[in-house]
Amino acid sequence: MATLRSSLITSRAELETAFREIAQYPYGYMLIAREPTRTDEQNRLMWPCLKEFERHGEIQGRKFKDFQWKSIMMEALGHEQEILPSLDGSRWFPAGLRTSKLGKREFSDLIELINAEAAQRGIDLKQKDEVG
């Protein structure tokens, strides 16, 4: 029995071939179907935009780092974060937000939100091309 690999199915014929291969496996195996995760191009677009927020954006007079703006934007899209204590209990930090796990559509929504927020706040983004 051949080992199945992760691959993007782009046609009905590929889907039918995958089903035939999967049907040969005994019970007890797991099949996972999901949307492809964000592209490298989408990721490269996000960071310069967030850097502009770091330079020019603020909330209630407070400035934030680019990675903090990423968390702020993710929260605005409804992605929850878990807040955990440091080992010594002296502070709290967010955990669990990883844009690398977002699907292409979700990441596209994130880029659209960043662009909309930039326009609303008067932040001129260096790269305005949308990536889908």
Protein backbone atom coordinates (compact mmCIF):
# COMPACT_ATOMS: atom_id res chain seq x y z
CA MET A 1 0.00 0.00 0.00
CA ALA A 2 1.44 3.38 -1.04
CA THR A 3 1.81 6.14 1.52
CA LEU A 4 -0.44 9.08 0.76
CA ARG A 5 1.14 12.48 0.79
CA SER A 6 -0.39 15.84 1.39
CA SER A 7 -1.37 17.45 -1.88
CA LEU A 8 -3.68 20.07 -3.27
CA ILE A 9 -6.58 18.59 -5.19
CA THR A 10 -7.37 20.78 -8.18
CA SER A 11 -9.76 18.67 -10.26
CA ARG A 12 -12.56 16.15 -10.02
CA ALA A 13 -10.25 13.47 -11.47
CA GLU A 14 -7.64 14.06 -8.73
CA LEU A 15 -10.37 13.87 -6.08
CA GLU A 16 -11.65 10.57 -7.47
CA THR A 17 -8.10 9.15 -7.60
CA ALA A 18 -7.55 10.18 -3.98
CA PHE A 19 -10.79 8.48 -2.92
CA ARG A 20 -9.77 5.26 -4.68
CA GLU A 21 -6.38 5.29 -2.93
CA ILE A 22 -7.93 6.05 0.47
CA ALA A 23 -10.49 3.26 0.05
CA GLN A 24 -7.60 0.73 0.08
CA TYR A 25 -6.57 1.66 3.62
CA PRO A 26 -7.83 -0.35 6.60
CA TYR A 27 -10.01 1.26 9.24
CA GLY A 28 -8.15 3.22 11.89
CA TYR A 29 -6.46 5.76 9.58
CA MET A 30 -7.27 9.45 9.64
CA LEU A 31 -8.01 11.63 6.62
CA ILE A 32 -7.83 15.40 6.98
CA ALA A 33 -9.19 17.79 4.37
CA ARG A 34 -8.56 21.49 4.86
CA GLU A 35 -8.06 24.68 2.95
CA PRO A 36 -4.41 25.32 2.00
CA THR A 37 -2.61 27.58 4.47
CA ARG A 38 -1.50 31.09 3.62
CA THR A 39 1.08 31.58 0.92
CA ASP A 40 4.59 32.94 1.39
CA GLU A 41 3.56 35.84 -0.84
CA GLN A 42 0.70 36.72 1.52
CA ASN A 43 3.07 36.54 4.49
CA ARG A 44 5.62 38.80 2.75
CA LEU A 45 2.86 41.33 2.12
CA MET A 46 1.69 41.39 5.75
CA TRP A 47 4.93 42.28 7.54
CA PRO A 48 5.76 45.56 5.72
CA CYS A 49 2.17 46.66 6.33
CA LEU A 50 2.41 45.88 10.03
CA LYS A 51 5.76 47.71 10.16
CA GLU A 52 3.94 50.84 8.95
CA PHE A 53 1.46 50.42 11.80
CA GLU A 54 4.42 50.16 14.17
CA ARG A 55 5.82 53.44 12.79
CA HIS A 56 2.61 55.45 12.49
CA GLY A 57 -0.25 53.70 14.27
CA GLU A 58 -1.44 54.02 17.82
CA ILE A 59 -4.39 53.10 19.98
CA GLN A 60 -5.38 55.48 22.75
CA GLY A 61 -2.03 57.24 22.36
CA ARG A 62 -0.03 54.03 22.73
CA LYS A 63 2.40 52.64 20.12
CA PHE A 64 2.86 48.92 19.44
CA LYS A 65 5.41 46.66 17.74
CA ASP A 66 4.57 44.98 14.42
CA PHE A 67 3.99 41.58 16.05
CA GLN A 68 1.65 43.23 18.55
CA TRP A 69 -0.30 44.82 15.72
CA LYS A 70 -0.61 41.35 14.18
CA SER A 71 -2.26 40.11 17.39
CA ILE A 72 -4.52 43.17 17.50
CA MET A 73 -5.64 42.54 13.91
CA MET A 74 -6.15 38.82 14.52
CA GLU A 75 -8.31 39.59 17.57
CA ALA A 76 -10.35 42.03 15.46
CA LEU A 77 -11.10 39.16 13.05
CA GLY A 78 -12.36 37.04 15.94
CA HIS A 79 -9.31 34.82 16.51
CA GLU A 80 -9.14 34.27 20.24
CA GLN A 81 -5.93 34.28 22.20
CA GLU A 82 -5.19 32.49 25.40
CA ILE A 83 -3.56 34.65 28.06
CA LEU A 84 -1.00 32.75 30.13
CA PRO A 85 1.09 33.69 33.18
CA SER A 86 4.87 33.91 33.13
CA LEU A 87 6.68 31.26 35.17
CA ASP A 88 7.15 33.60 38.11
CA GLY A 89 3.57 34.90 37.88
CA SER A 90 4.67 38.51 37.53
CA ARG A 91 3.08 39.16 34.12
CA TRP A 92 0.71 37.74 31.51
CA PHE A 93 1.24 37.13 27.79
CA PRO A 94 -0.87 36.06 24.80
CA ALA A 95 -0.33 32.61 23.32
CA GLY A 96 -1.66 30.57 20.47
CA LEU A 97 -1.93 33.03 17.58
CA ARG A 98 -0.14 31.75 14.49
CA THR A 99 -0.91 33.20 11.10
CA SER A 100 0.99 30.33 9.49
CA LYS A 101 -2.01 28.13 10.33
CA LEU A 102 -4.53 30.43 8.61
CA GLY A 103 -6.07 29.35 5.33
CA LYS A 104 -5.58 31.49 2.24
CA ARG A 105 -9.06 32.99 2.57
CA GLU A 106 -8.60 33.78 6.27
CA PHE A 107 -5.22 35.36 5.56
CA SER A 108 -6.75 37.37 2.74
CA ASP A 109 -9.34 38.65 5.25
CA LEU A 110 -6.47 39.65 7.56
CA ILE A 111 -4.73 41.61 4.77
CA GLU A 112 -8.03 43.32 3.88
CA LEU A 113 -8.53 44.33 7.52
CA ILE A 114 -4.98 45.71 7.72
CA ASN A 115 -5.59 47.75 4.56
CA ALA A 116 -8.96 49.03 5.82
CA GLU A 117 -7.54 50.00 9.22
CA ALA A 118 -4.60 51.74 7.54
CA ALA A 119 -6.98 53.77 5.38
CA GLN A 120 -9.15 54.66 8.37
CA ARG A 121 -6.12 55.74 10.43
CA GLY A 122 -4.38 57.59 7.59
CA ILE A 123 -1.44 55.16 7.48
CA ASP A 124 0.13 54.99 4.03
CA LEU A 125 1.11 51.39 3.37
CA LYS A 126 4.14 50.84 1.17
CA GLN A 127 2.59 47.77 -0.50
CA LYS A 128 -1.06 48.02 -1.43
CA ASP A 129 -1.35 44.99 -3.71
CA GLU A 130 -3.91 42.47 -2.52
CA VAL A 131 -2.90 38.86 -2.48
CA GLY A 132 -5.59 36.15 -2.55
